[in-house]
């Protein structure tokens, strides 16, 4: 699981071998999936909560608002040249927040 202060390589697809950047975890908290705000959804790259929920269901199979998720906040540390660097671990979720179990771009589970 991600820890505040840890550095991870990031990729856009779970089974991809191409890491595009390294990120540093700046925050980690638990909350109910249904607590996501429009601002959170927009940080994840969605226009509204409806689109976010549809995206979540497409990835995770269902929307269960009472499920507890981890919200993982991070900052970009370094961008990579995709043609040369292909190592490390994966975190999965959005552009400012990611998933470890079930993350909502700012979340992990």
PDB file of N, CA and C in Angstrom:
ATOM      1  N   UNK A   1       0.844  -1.190   0.000  1.00  0.00           N
ATOM      2  CA  UNK A   1       0.000   0.000   0.000  1.00  0.00           C
ATOM      3  C   UNK A   1       0.878   1.237   0.000  1.00  0.00           C
ATOM      4  N   UNK A   2       0.386   2.292  -0.567  1.00  0.00           N
ATOM      5  CA  UNK A   2       1.109   3.557  -0.642  1.00  0.00           C
ATOM      6  C   UNK A   2       1.257   4.180   0.741  1.00  0.00           C
ATOM      7  N   UNK A   3       2.382   4.841   0.954  1.00  0.00           N
ATOM      8  CA  UNK A   3       2.619   5.552   2.208  1.00  0.00           C
ATOM      9  C   UNK A   3       3.017   6.984   1.883  1.00  0.00           C
ATOM     10  N   UNK A   4       2.599   7.923   2.728  1.00  0.00           N
ATOM     11  CA  UNK A   4       2.944   9.321   2.520  1.00  0.00           C
ATOM     12  C   UNK A   4       4.467   9.447   2.480  1.00  0.00           C
ATOM     13  N   UNK A   5       4.957  10.162   1.476  1.00  0.00           N
ATOM     14  CA  UNK A   5       6.386  10.357   1.298  1.00  0.00           C
ATOM     15  C   UNK A   5       7.035   9.351   0.371  1.00  0.00           C
ATOM     16  N   UNK A   6       6.323   8.245   0.056  1.00  0.00           N
ATOM     17  CA  UNK A   6       6.910   7.247  -0.834  1.00  0.00           C
ATOM     18  C   UNK A   6       6.815   7.708  -2.287  1.00  0.00           C
ATOM     19  N   UNK A   7       7.739   7.199  -3.087  1.00  0.00           N
ATOM     20  CA  UNK A   7       7.807   7.560  -4.504  1.00  0.00           C
ATOM     21  C   UNK A   7       7.474   6.314  -5.322  1.00  0.00           C
ATOM     22  N   UNK A   8       6.641   6.503  -6.351  1.00  0.00           N
ATOM     23  CA  UNK A   8       6.195   5.392  -7.190  1.00  0.00           C
ATOM     24  C   UNK A   8       6.247   5.794  -8.647  1.00  0.00           C
ATOM     25  N   UNK A   9       6.434   4.809  -9.513  1.00  0.00           N
ATOM     26  CA  UNK A   9       6.326   5.045 -10.942  1.00  0.00           C
ATOM     27  C   UNK A   9       4.858   4.912 -11.322  1.00  0.00           C
ATOM     28  N   UNK A  10       4.424   5.724 -12.254  1.00  0.00           N
ATOM     29  CA  UNK A  10       3.016   5.764 -12.650  1.00  0.00           C
ATOM     30  C   UNK A  10       2.850   5.375 -14.112  1.00  0.00           C
ATOM     31  N   UNK A  11       1.728   4.699 -14.392  1.00  0.00           N
ATOM     32  CA  UNK A  11       1.381   4.350 -15.761  1.00  0.00           C
ATOM     33  C   UNK A  11      -0.118   4.515 -15.940  1.00  0.00           C
ATOM     34  N   UNK A  12      -0.559   4.608 -17.172  1.00  0.00           N
ATOM     35  CA  UNK A  12      -1.972   4.881 -17.432  1.00  0.00           C
ATOM     36  C   UNK A  12      -2.826   3.632 -17.531  1.00  0.00           C
ATOM     37  N   UNK A  13      -2.216   2.466 -17.685  1.00  0.00           N
ATOM     38  CA  UNK A  13      -2.980   1.222 -17.801  1.00  0.00           C
ATOM     39  C   UNK A  13      -2.351   0.159 -16.914  1.00  0.00           C
ATOM     40  N   UNK A  14      -3.191  -0.615 -16.245  1.00  0.00           N
ATOM     41  CA  UNK A  14      -2.727  -1.605 -15.290  1.00  0.00           C
ATOM     42  C   UNK A  14      -1.676  -2.553 -15.858  1.00  0.00           C
ATOM     43  N   UNK A  15      -1.886  -3.080 -17.047  1.00  0.00           N
ATOM     44  CA  UNK A  15      -0.974  -4.070 -17.599  1.00  0.00           C
ATOM     45  C   UNK A  15       0.055  -3.491 -18.559  1.00  0.00           C
ATOM     46  N   UNK A  16       0.131  -2.181 -18.642  1.00  0.00           N
ATOM     47  CA  UNK A  16       1.117  -1.532 -19.489  1.00  0.00           C
ATOM     48  C   UNK A  16       2.508  -1.692 -18.889  1.00  0.00           C
ATOM     49  N   UNK A  17       3.506  -1.685 -19.727  1.00  0.00           N
ATOM     50  CA  UNK A  17       4.897  -1.717 -19.264  1.00  0.00           C
ATOM     51  C   UNK A  17       5.534  -0.342 -19.356  1.00  0.00           C
ATOM     52  N   UNK A  18       4.755   0.624 -19.783  1.00  0.00           N
ATOM     53  CA  UNK A  18       5.271   1.971 -19.987  1.00  0.00           C
ATOM     54  C   UNK A  18       4.925   2.888 -18.830  1.00  0.00           C
ATOM     55  N   UNK A  19       5.924   3.310 -18.083  1.00  0.00           N
ATOM     56  CA  UNK A  19       5.748   4.265 -16.982  1.00  0.00           C
ATOM     57  C   UNK A  19       6.010   5.650 -17.532  1.00  0.00           C
ATOM     58  N   UNK A  20       5.128   6.591 -17.236  1.00  0.00           N
ATOM     59  CA  UNK A  20       5.272   7.923 -17.803  1.00  0.00           C
ATOM     60  C   UNK A  20       5.834   8.940 -16.827  1.00  0.00           C
ATOM     61  N   UNK A  21       5.865   8.600 -15.524  1.00  0.00           N
ATOM     62  CA  UNK A  21       6.329   9.578 -14.535  1.00  0.00           C
ATOM     63  C   UNK A  21       6.586   8.902 -13.201  1.00  0.00           C
ATOM     64  N   UNK A  22       7.249   9.633 -12.330  1.00  0.00           N
ATOM     65  CA  UNK A  22       7.310   9.203 -10.933  1.00  0.00           C
ATOM     66  C   UNK A  22       6.510  10.224 -10.133  1.00  0.00           C
ATOM     67  N   UNK A  23       5.842   9.724  -9.098  1.00  0.00           N
ATOM     68  CA  UNK A  23       5.018  10.579  -8.251  1.00  0.00           C
ATOM     69  C   UNK A  23       5.420  10.376  -6.796  1.00  0.00           C
ATOM     70  N   UNK A  24       5.166  11.377  -5.986  1.00  0.00           N
ATOM     71  CA  UNK A  24       5.404  11.261  -4.552  1.00  0.00           C
ATOM     72  C   UNK A  24       4.057  11.372  -3.851  1.00  0.00           C
ATOM     73  N   UNK A  25       3.772  10.431  -2.964  1.00  0.00           N
ATOM     74  CA  UNK A  25       2.502  10.419  -2.235  1.00  0.00           C
ATOM     75  C   UNK A  25       2.535  11.532  -1.192  1.00  0.00           C
ATOM     76  N   UNK A  26       1.546  12.420  -1.250  1.00  0.00           N
ATOM     77  CA  UNK A  26       1.492  13.565  -0.328  1.00  0.00           C
ATOM     78  C   UNK A  26       0.385  13.450   0.709  1.00  0.00           C
ATOM     79  N   UNK A  27      -0.546  12.544   0.492  1.00  0.00           N
ATOM     80  CA  UNK A  27      -1.645  12.381   1.448  1.00  0.00           C
ATOM     81  C   UNK A  27      -2.349  11.056   1.255  1.00  0.00           C
ATOM     82  N   UNK A  28      -2.927  10.553   2.334  1.00  0.00           N
ATOM     83  CA  UNK A  28      -3.651   9.291   2.291  1.00  0.00           C
ATOM     84  C   UNK A  28      -4.721   9.329   3.368  1.00  0.00           C
ATOM     85  N   UNK A  29      -5.975   9.075   2.944  1.00  0.00           N
ATOM     86  CA  UNK A  29      -7.069   9.035   3.918  1.00  0.00           C
ATOM     87  C   UNK A  29      -8.131   8.064   3.428  1.00  0.00           C
ATOM     88  N   UNK A  30      -8.981   7.619   4.351  1.00  0.00           N
ATOM     89  CA  UNK A  30     -10.101   6.732   4.025  1.00  0.00           C
ATOM     90  C   UNK A  30     -11.387   7.540   4.047  1.00  0.00           C
ATOM     91  N   UNK A  31     -12.261   7.211   3.131  1.00  0.00           N
ATOM     92  CA  UNK A  31     -13.595   7.807   3.151  1.00  0.00           C
ATOM     93  C   UNK A  31     -14.530   6.950   2.316  1.00  0.00           C
ATOM     94  N   UNK A  32     -15.823   7.208   2.438  1.00  0.00           N
ATOM     95  CA  UNK A  32     -16.807   6.468   1.654  1.00  0.00           C
ATOM     96  C   UNK A  32     -16.761   6.947   0.211  1.00  0.00           C
ATOM     97  N   UNK A  33     -16.883   6.007  -0.697  1.00  0.00           N
ATOM     98  CA  UNK A  33     -16.867   6.319  -2.120  1.00  0.00           C
ATOM     99  C   UNK A  33     -17.898   7.396  -2.457  1.00  0.00           C
ATOM    100  N   UNK A  34     -19.067   7.317  -1.856  1.00  0.00           N
ATOM    101  CA  UNK A  34     -20.137   8.269  -2.129  1.00  0.00           C
ATOM    102  C   UNK A  34     -19.871   9.679  -1.643  1.00  0.00           C
ATOM    103  N   UNK A  35     -18.772   9.888  -0.912  1.00  0.00           N
ATOM    104  CA  UNK A  35     -18.434  11.227  -0.411  1.00  0.00           C
ATOM    105  C   UNK A  35     -17.726  12.074  -1.460  1.00  0.00           C
ATOM    106  N   UNK A  36     -17.469  11.517  -2.635  1.00  0.00           N
ATOM    107  CA  UNK A  36     -16.771  12.274  -3.678  1.00  0.00           C
ATOM    108  C   UNK A  36     -17.569  13.514  -4.053  1.00  0.00           C
ATOM    109  N   UNK A  37     -16.867  14.602  -4.246  1.00  0.00           N
ATOM    110  CA  UNK A  37     -17.495  15.875  -4.621  1.00  0.00           C
ATOM    111  C   UNK A  37     -17.293  16.134  -6.109  1.00  0.00           C
ATOM    112  N   UNK A  38     -17.999  17.106  -6.635  1.00  0.00           N
ATOM    113  CA  UNK A  38     -17.814  17.491  -8.034  1.00  0.00           C
ATOM    114  C   UNK A  38     -16.375  17.944  -8.263  1.00  0.00           C
ATOM    115  N   UNK A  39     -15.783  18.618  -7.285  1.00  0.00           N
ATOM    116  CA  UNK A  39     -14.388  19.061  -7.404  1.00  0.00           C
ATOM    117  C   UNK A  39     -13.449  17.864  -7.505  1.00  0.00           C
ATOM    118  N   UNK A  40     -13.711  16.830  -6.688  1.00  0.00           N
ATOM    119  CA  UNK A  40     -12.907  15.603  -6.756  1.00  0.00           C
ATOM    120  C   UNK A  40     -13.041  14.965  -8.141  1.00  0.00           C
ATOM    121  N   UNK A  41     -14.264  14.856  -8.628  1.00  0.00           N
ATOM    122  CA  UNK A  41     -14.514  14.246  -9.934  1.00  0.00           C
ATOM    123  C   UNK A  41     -13.803  15.019 -11.040  1.00  0.00           C
ATOM    124  N   UNK A  42     -13.813  16.333 -10.952  1.00  0.00           N
ATOM    125  CA  UNK A  42     -13.147  17.157 -11.960  1.00  0.00           C
ATOM    126  C   UNK A  42     -11.629  16.984 -11.893  1.00  0.00           C
ATOM    127  N   UNK A  43     -11.074  16.841 -10.685  1.00  0.00           N
ATOM    128  CA  UNK A  43      -9.634  16.573 -10.564  1.00  0.00           C
ATOM    129  C   UNK A  43      -9.282  15.235 -11.196  1.00  0.00           C
ATOM    130  N   UNK A  44     -10.250  14.335 -11.217  1.00  0.00           N
ATOM    131  CA  UNK A  44     -10.043  13.034 -11.814  1.00  0.00           C
ATOM    132  C   UNK A  44     -10.223  13.065 -13.331  1.00  0.00           C
ATOM    133  N   UNK A  45     -10.601  14.227 -13.870  1.00  0.00           N
ATOM    134  CA  UNK A  45     -10.736  14.371 -15.310  1.00  0.00           C
ATOM    135  C   UNK A  45     -12.145  14.221 -15.845  1.00  0.00           C
ATOM    136  N   UNK A  46     -13.134  14.208 -14.956  1.00  0.00           N
ATOM    137  CA  UNK A  46     -14.527  14.076 -15.369  1.00  0.00           C
ATOM    138  C   UNK A  46     -15.224  15.426 -15.302  1.00  0.00           C
ATOM    139  N   UNK A  47     -16.281  15.586 -16.100  1.00  0.00           N
ATOM    140  CA  UNK A  47     -17.024  16.847 -16.130  1.00  0.00           C
ATOM    141  C   UNK A  47     -18.011  16.985 -14.984  1.00  0.00           C
ATOM    142  N   UNK A  48     -18.492  15.850 -14.466  1.00  0.00           N
ATOM    143  CA  UNK A  48     -19.499  15.885 -13.415  1.00  0.00           C
ATOM    144  C   UNK A  48     -19.514  14.559 -12.660  1.00  0.00           C
ATOM    145  N   UNK A  49     -20.347  14.476 -11.631  1.00  0.00           N
ATOM    146  CA  UNK A  49     -20.416  13.256 -10.817  1.00  0.00           C
ATOM    147  C   UNK A  49     -21.016  12.074 -11.575  1.00  0.00           C
ATOM    148  N   UNK A  50     -21.973  12.340 -12.449  1.00  0.00           N
ATOM    149  CA  UNK A  50     -22.591  11.265 -13.227  1.00  0.00           C
ATOM    150  C   UNK A  50     -21.533  10.586 -14.096  1.00  0.00           C
ATOM    151  N   UNK A  51     -20.716  11.373 -14.777  1.00  0.00           N
ATOM    152  CA  UNK A  51     -19.654  10.816 -15.620  1.00  0.00           C
ATOM    153  C   UNK A  51     -18.638  10.052 -14.785  1.00  0.00           C
ATOM    154  N   UNK A  52     -18.318  10.586 -13.615  1.00  0.00           N
ATOM    155  CA  UNK A  52     -17.365   9.917 -12.726  1.00  0.00           C
ATOM    156  C   UNK A  52     -17.904   8.540 -12.303  1.00  0.00           C
ATOM    157  N   UNK A  53     -19.171   8.516 -11.888  1.00  0.00           N
ATOM    158  CA  UNK A  53     -19.781   7.253 -11.462  1.00  0.00           C
ATOM    159  C   UNK A  53     -19.803   6.240 -12.601  1.00  0.00           C
ATOM    160  N   UNK A  54     -20.106   6.691 -13.809  1.00  0.00           N
ATOM    161  CA  UNK A  54     -20.111   5.797 -14.968  1.00  0.00           C
ATOM    162  C   UNK A  54     -18.706   5.241 -15.211  1.00  0.00           C
ATOM    163  N   UNK A  55     -17.705   6.117 -15.112  1.00  0.00           N
ATOM    164  CA  UNK A  55     -16.322   5.676 -15.278  1.00  0.00           C
ATOM    165  C   UNK A  55     -15.918   4.678 -14.204  1.00  0.00           C
ATOM    166  N   UNK A  56     -16.321   4.936 -12.963  1.00  0.00           N
ATOM    167  CA  UNK A  56     -16.016   4.030 -11.853  1.00  0.00           C
ATOM    168  C   UNK A  56     -16.624   2.651 -12.111  1.00  0.00           C
ATOM    169  N   UNK A  57     -17.901   2.644 -12.529  1.00  0.00           N
ATOM    170  CA  UNK A  57     -18.590   1.372 -12.789  1.00  0.00           C
ATOM    171  C   UNK A  57     -17.932   0.610 -13.935  1.00  0.00           C
ATOM    172  N   UNK A  58     -17.472   1.323 -14.944  1.00  0.00           N
ATOM    173  CA  UNK A  58     -16.813   0.674 -16.076  1.00  0.00           C
ATOM    174  C   UNK A  58     -15.532  -0.026 -15.612  1.00  0.00           C
ATOM    175  N   UNK A  59     -14.797   0.598 -14.706  1.00  0.00           N
ATOM    176  CA  UNK A  59     -13.537   0.037 -14.215  1.00  0.00           C
ATOM    177  C   UNK A  59     -13.764  -1.012 -13.131  1.00  0.00           C
ATOM    178  N   UNK A  60     -14.661  -0.727 -12.179  1.00  0.00           N
ATOM    179  CA  UNK A  60     -14.823  -1.561 -10.990  1.00  0.00           C
ATOM    180  C   UNK A  60     -16.070  -2.444 -10.982  1.00  0.00           C
ATOM    181  N   UNK A  61     -16.940  -2.295 -11.967  1.00  0.00           N
ATOM    182  CA  UNK A  61     -18.109  -3.163 -12.067  1.00  0.00           C
ATOM    183  C   UNK A  61     -19.381  -2.639 -11.427  1.00  0.00           C
ATOM    184  N   UNK A  62     -19.262  -1.878 -10.356  1.00  0.00           N
ATOM    185  CA  UNK A  62     -20.462  -1.343  -9.700  1.00  0.00           C
ATOM    186  C   UNK A  62     -20.102  -0.091  -8.910  1.00  0.00           C
ATOM    187  N   UNK A  63     -21.124   0.657  -8.566  1.00  0.00           N
ATOM    188  CA  UNK A  63     -20.977   1.861  -7.740  1.00  0.00           C
ATOM    189  C   UNK A  63     -21.630   1.558  -6.403  1.00  0.00           C
ATOM    190  N   UNK A  64     -20.839   1.455  -5.363  1.00  0.00           N
ATOM    191  CA  UNK A  64     -21.357   1.186  -4.026  1.00  0.00           C
ATOM    192  C   UNK A  64     -20.926   2.329  -3.127  1.00  0.00           C
ATOM    193  N   UNK A  65     -21.774   3.357  -2.981  1.00  0.00           N
ATOM    194  CA  UNK A  65     -21.402   4.590  -2.288  1.00  0.00           C
ATOM    195  C   UNK A  65     -20.975   4.408  -0.834  1.00  0.00           C
ATOM    196  N   UNK A  66     -21.376   3.316  -0.200  1.00  0.00           N
ATOM    197  CA  UNK A  66     -20.975   3.094   1.193  1.00  0.00           C
ATOM    198  C   UNK A  66     -19.648   2.351   1.331  1.00  0.00           C
ATOM    199  N   UNK A  67     -19.074   1.943   0.199  1.00  0.00           N
ATOM    200  CA  UNK A  67     -17.763   1.285   0.239  1.00  0.00           C
ATOM    201  C   UNK A  67     -16.714   2.283   0.712  1.00  0.00           C
ATOM    202  N   UNK A  68     -15.807   1.797   1.546  1.00  0.00           N
ATOM    203  CA  UNK A  68     -14.715   2.655   2.018  1.00  0.00           C
ATOM    204  C   UNK A  68     -13.545   2.510   1.056  1.00  0.00           C
ATOM    205  N   UNK A  69     -13.023   3.644   0.619  1.00  0.00           N
ATOM    206  CA  UNK A  69     -11.882   3.681  -0.300  1.00  0.00           C
ATOM    207  C   UNK A  69     -10.775   4.512   0.323  1.00  0.00           C
ATOM    208  N   UNK A  70      -9.568   4.369  -0.184  1.00  0.00           N
ATOM    209  CA  UNK A  70      -8.453   5.215   0.225  1.00  0.00           C
ATOM    210  C   UNK A  70      -8.323   6.333  -0.793  1.00  0.00           C
ATOM    211  N   UNK A  71      -8.177   7.526  -0.324  1.00  0.00           N
ATOM    212  CA  UNK A  71      -7.941   8.675  -1.185  1.00  0.00           C
ATOM    213  C   UNK A  71      -6.449   8.954  -1.114  1.00  0.00           C
ATOM    214  N   UNK A  72      -5.784   8.811  -2.246  1.00  0.00           N
ATOM    215  CA  UNK A  72      -4.340   8.992  -2.303  1.00  0.00           C
ATOM    216  C   UNK A  72      -4.044  10.252  -3.106  1.00  0.00           C
ATOM    217  N   UNK A  73      -3.409  11.216  -2.465  1.00  0.00           N
ATOM    218  CA  UNK A  73      -3.012  12.446  -3.150  1.00  0.00           C
ATOM    219  C   UNK A  73      -1.536  12.348  -3.488  1.00  0.00           C
ATOM    220  N   UNK A  74      -1.151  12.936  -4.625  1.00  0.00           N
ATOM    221  CA  UNK A  74       0.255  12.865  -5.011  1.00  0.00           C
ATOM    222  C   UNK A  74       0.644  14.066  -5.849  1.00  0.00           C
ATOM    223  N   UNK A  75       1.938  14.246  -5.984  1.00  0.00           N
ATOM    224  CA  UNK A  75       2.497  15.289  -6.844  1.00  0.00           C
ATOM    225  C   UNK A  75       3.424  14.630  -7.849  1.00  0.00           C
ATOM    226  N   UNK A  76       3.501  15.231  -9.015  1.00  0.00           N
ATOM    227  CA  UNK A  76       4.422  14.771 -10.040  1.00  0.00           C
ATOM    228  C   UNK A  76       5.846  15.058  -9.587  1.00  0.00           C
ATOM    229  N   UNK A  77       6.688  14.052  -9.623  1.00  0.00           N
ATOM    230  CA  UNK A  77       8.094  14.229  -9.267  1.00  0.00           C
ATOM    231  C   UNK A  77       8.937  14.380 -10.527  1.00  0.00           C
ATOM    232  N   UNK A  78       8.694  13.506 -11.509  1.00  0.00           N
ATOM    233  CA  UNK A  78       9.498  13.518 -12.725  1.00  0.00           C
ATOM    234  C   UNK A  78       8.745  12.853 -13.866  1.00  0.00           C
ATOM    235  N   UNK A  79       8.858  13.394 -15.079  1.00  0.00           N
ATOM    236  CA  UNK A  79       8.287  12.781 -16.279  1.00  0.00           C
ATOM    237  C   UNK A  79       9.368  11.932 -16.937  1.00  0.00           C
ATOM    238  N   UNK A  80       8.965  10.807 -17.573  1.00  0.00           N
ATOM    239  CA  UNK A  80       9.917   9.913 -18.226  1.00  0.00           C
ATOM    240  C   UNK A  80       9.772   9.932 -19.736  1.00  0.00           C
ATOM    241  N   UNK A  81      10.849   9.538 -20.378  1.00  0.00           N
ATOM    242  CA  UNK A  81      10.830   9.254 -21.807  1.00  0.00           C
ATOM    243  C   UNK A  81      10.323   7.820 -21.924  1.00  0.00           C
ATOM    244  N   UNK A  82       9.131   7.629 -22.447  1.00  0.00           N
ATOM    245  CA  UNK A  82       8.513   6.302 -22.493  1.00  0.00           C
ATOM    246  C   UNK A  82       9.312   5.275 -23.283  1.00  0.00           C
ATOM    247  N   UNK A  83      10.202   5.720 -24.139  1.00  0.00           N
ATOM    248  CA  UNK A  83      10.959   4.769 -24.945  1.00  0.00           C
ATOM    249  C   UNK A  83      12.123   4.139 -24.185  1.00  0.00           C
ATOM    250  N   UNK A  84      12.486   4.654 -22.991  1.00  0.00           N
ATOM    251  CA  UNK A  84      13.670   4.146 -22.311  1.00  0.00           C
ATOM    252  C   UNK A  84      13.440   3.554 -20.928  1.00  0.00           C
ATOM    253  N   UNK A  85      12.441   3.998 -20.151  1.00  0.00           N
ATOM    254  CA  UNK A  85      12.303   3.567 -18.767  1.00  0.00           C
ATOM    255  C   UNK A  85      11.054   2.707 -18.575  1.00  0.00           C
ATOM    256  N   UNK A  86      11.239   1.442 -18.176  1.00  0.00           N
ATOM    257  CA  UNK A  86      10.100   0.531 -18.034  1.00  0.00           C
ATOM    258  C   UNK A  86      10.211  -0.328 -16.781  1.00  0.00           C
ATOM    259  N   UNK A  87      10.434   0.288 -15.614  1.00  0.00           N
ATOM    260  CA  UNK A  87      10.562  -0.504 -14.395  1.00  0.00           C
ATOM    261  C   UNK A  87       9.681   0.051 -13.292  1.00  0.00           C
ATOM    262  N   UNK A  88       9.489  -0.698 -12.207  1.00  0.00           N
ATOM    263  CA  UNK A  88       8.857  -0.263 -10.961  1.00  0.00           C
ATOM    264  C   UNK A  88       7.506  -0.839 -10.638  1.00  0.00           C
ATOM    265  N   UNK A  89       6.847  -0.228  -9.652  1.00  0.00           N
ATOM    266  CA  UNK A  89       5.561  -0.715  -9.182  1.00  0.00           C
ATOM    267  C   UNK A  89       4.434   0.147  -9.728  1.00  0.00           C
ATOM    268  N   UNK A  90       3.236  -0.292  -9.506  1.00  0.00           N
ATOM    269  CA  UNK A  90       2.074   0.421 -10.042  1.00  0.00           C
ATOM    270  C   UNK A  90       1.161   0.942  -8.961  1.00  0.00           C
ATOM    271  N   UNK A  91       0.684   2.138  -9.190  1.00  0.00           N
ATOM    272  CA  UNK A  91      -0.413   2.693  -8.404  1.00  0.00           C
ATOM    273  C   UNK A  91      -1.467   2.984  -9.442  1.00  0.00           C
ATOM    274  N   UNK A  92      -2.717   2.902  -9.096  1.00  0.00           N
ATOM    275  CA  UNK A  92      -3.684   3.084 -10.132  1.00  0.00           C
ATOM    276  C   UNK A  92      -4.807   4.024  -9.734  1.00  0.00           C
ATOM    277  N   UNK A  93      -5.069   5.010 -10.545  1.00  0.00           N
ATOM    278  CA  UNK A  93      -6.191   5.948 -10.410  1.00  0.00           C
ATOM    279  C   UNK A  93      -5.943   7.256 -11.114  1.00  0.00           C
ATOM    280  N   UNK A  94      -6.265   8.396 -10.677  1.00  0.00           N
ATOM    281  CA  UNK A  94      -6.304   9.590 -11.500  1.00  0.00           C
ATOM    282  C   UNK A  94      -5.059  10.427 -11.536  1.00  0.00           C
ATOM    283  N   UNK A  95      -5.159  11.622 -12.067  1.00  0.00           N
ATOM    284  CA  UNK A  95      -3.995  12.454 -12.301  1.00  0.00           C
ATOM    285  C   UNK A  95      -3.480  13.167 -11.065  1.00  0.00           C
ATOM    286  N   UNK A  96      -4.203  13.268 -10.037  1.00  0.00           N
ATOM    287  CA  UNK A  96      -3.720  13.830  -8.789  1.00  0.00           C
ATOM    288  C   UNK A  96      -3.963  12.874  -7.630  1.00  0.00           C
ATOM    289  N   UNK A  97      -4.605  11.765  -7.889  1.00  0.00           N
ATOM    290  CA  UNK A  97      -4.959  10.795  -6.844  1.00  0.00           C
ATOM    291  C   UNK A  97      -5.048   9.402  -7.445  1.00  0.00           C
ATOM    292  N   UNK A  98      -4.637   8.361  -6.710  1.00  0.00           N
ATOM    293  CA  UNK A  98      -4.614   7.024  -7.281  1.00  0.00           C
ATOM    294  C   UNK A  98      -5.121   5.921  -6.365  1.00  0.00           C
ATOM    295  N   UNK A  99      -5.316   4.718  -6.870  1.00  0.00           N
ATOM    296  CA  UNK A  99      -5.884   3.563  -6.188  1.00  0.00           C
ATOM    297  C   UNK A  99      -4.873   2.484  -5.846  1.00  0.00           C
ATOM    298  N   UNK A 100      -4.981   1.968  -4.666  1.00  0.00           N
ATOM    299  CA  UNK A 100      -4.119   0.869  -4.253  1.00  0.00           C
ATOM    300  C   UNK A 100      -4.960  -0.367  -4.053  1.00  0.00           C
ATOM    301  N   UNK A 101      -6.173  -0.209  -3.636  1.00  0.00           N
ATOM    302  CA  UNK A 101      -7.111  -1.310  -3.524  1.00  0.00           C
ATOM    303  C   UNK A 101      -8.266  -0.959  -4.413  1.00  0.00           C
ATOM    304  N   UNK A 102      -8.862   0.134  -4.074  1.00  0.00           N
ATOM    305  CA  UNK A 102      -9.891   0.738  -4.908  1.00  0.00           C
ATOM    306  C   UNK A 102      -9.710   2.197  -4.692  1.00  0.00           C
ATOM    307  N   UNK A 103      -9.180   2.802  -5.679  1.00  0.00           N
ATOM    308  CA  UNK A 103      -8.872   4.215  -5.550  1.00  0.00           C
ATOM    309  C   UNK A 103      -9.829   4.978  -6.411  1.00  0.00           C
ATOM    310  N   UNK A 104     -10.123   6.137  -5.995  1.00  0.00           N
ATOM    311  CA  UNK A 104     -10.841   7.023  -6.887  1.00  0.00           C
ATOM    312  C   UNK A 104      -9.806   8.081  -7.198  1.00  0.00           C
ATOM    313  N   UNK A 105      -9.460   8.324  -8.388  1.00  0.00           N
ATOM    314  CA  UNK A 105      -8.304   9.108  -8.794  1.00  0.00           C
ATOM    315  C   UNK A 105      -7.599   9.841  -7.690  1.00  0.00           C
ATOM    316  N   UNK A 106      -8.200   9.921  -6.644  1.00  0.00           N
ATOM    317  CA  UNK A 106      -7.554  10.503  -5.492  1.00  0.00           C
ATOM    318  C   UNK A 106      -7.669   9.418  -4.447  1.00  0.00           C
ATOM    319  N   UNK A 107      -8.188   8.290  -4.853  1.00  0.00           N
ATOM    320  CA  UNK A 107      -8.504   7.216  -3.933  1.00  0.00           C
ATOM    321  C   UNK A 107      -7.842   5.911  -4.268  1.00  0.00           C
ATOM    322  N   UNK A 108      -7.597   5.151  -3.254  1.00  0.00           N
ATOM    323  CA  UNK A 108      -7.114   3.787  -3.442  1.00  0.00           C
ATOM    324  C   UNK A 108      -7.958   2.868  -2.587  1.00  0.00           C
ATOM    325  N   UNK A 109      -7.967   1.630  -2.862  1.00  0.00           N
ATOM    326  CA  UNK A 109      -8.749   0.683  -2.035  1.00  0.00           C
ATOM    327  C   UNK A 109      -7.956  -0.541  -1.783  1.00  0.00           C
TER     328      UNK A 109
END
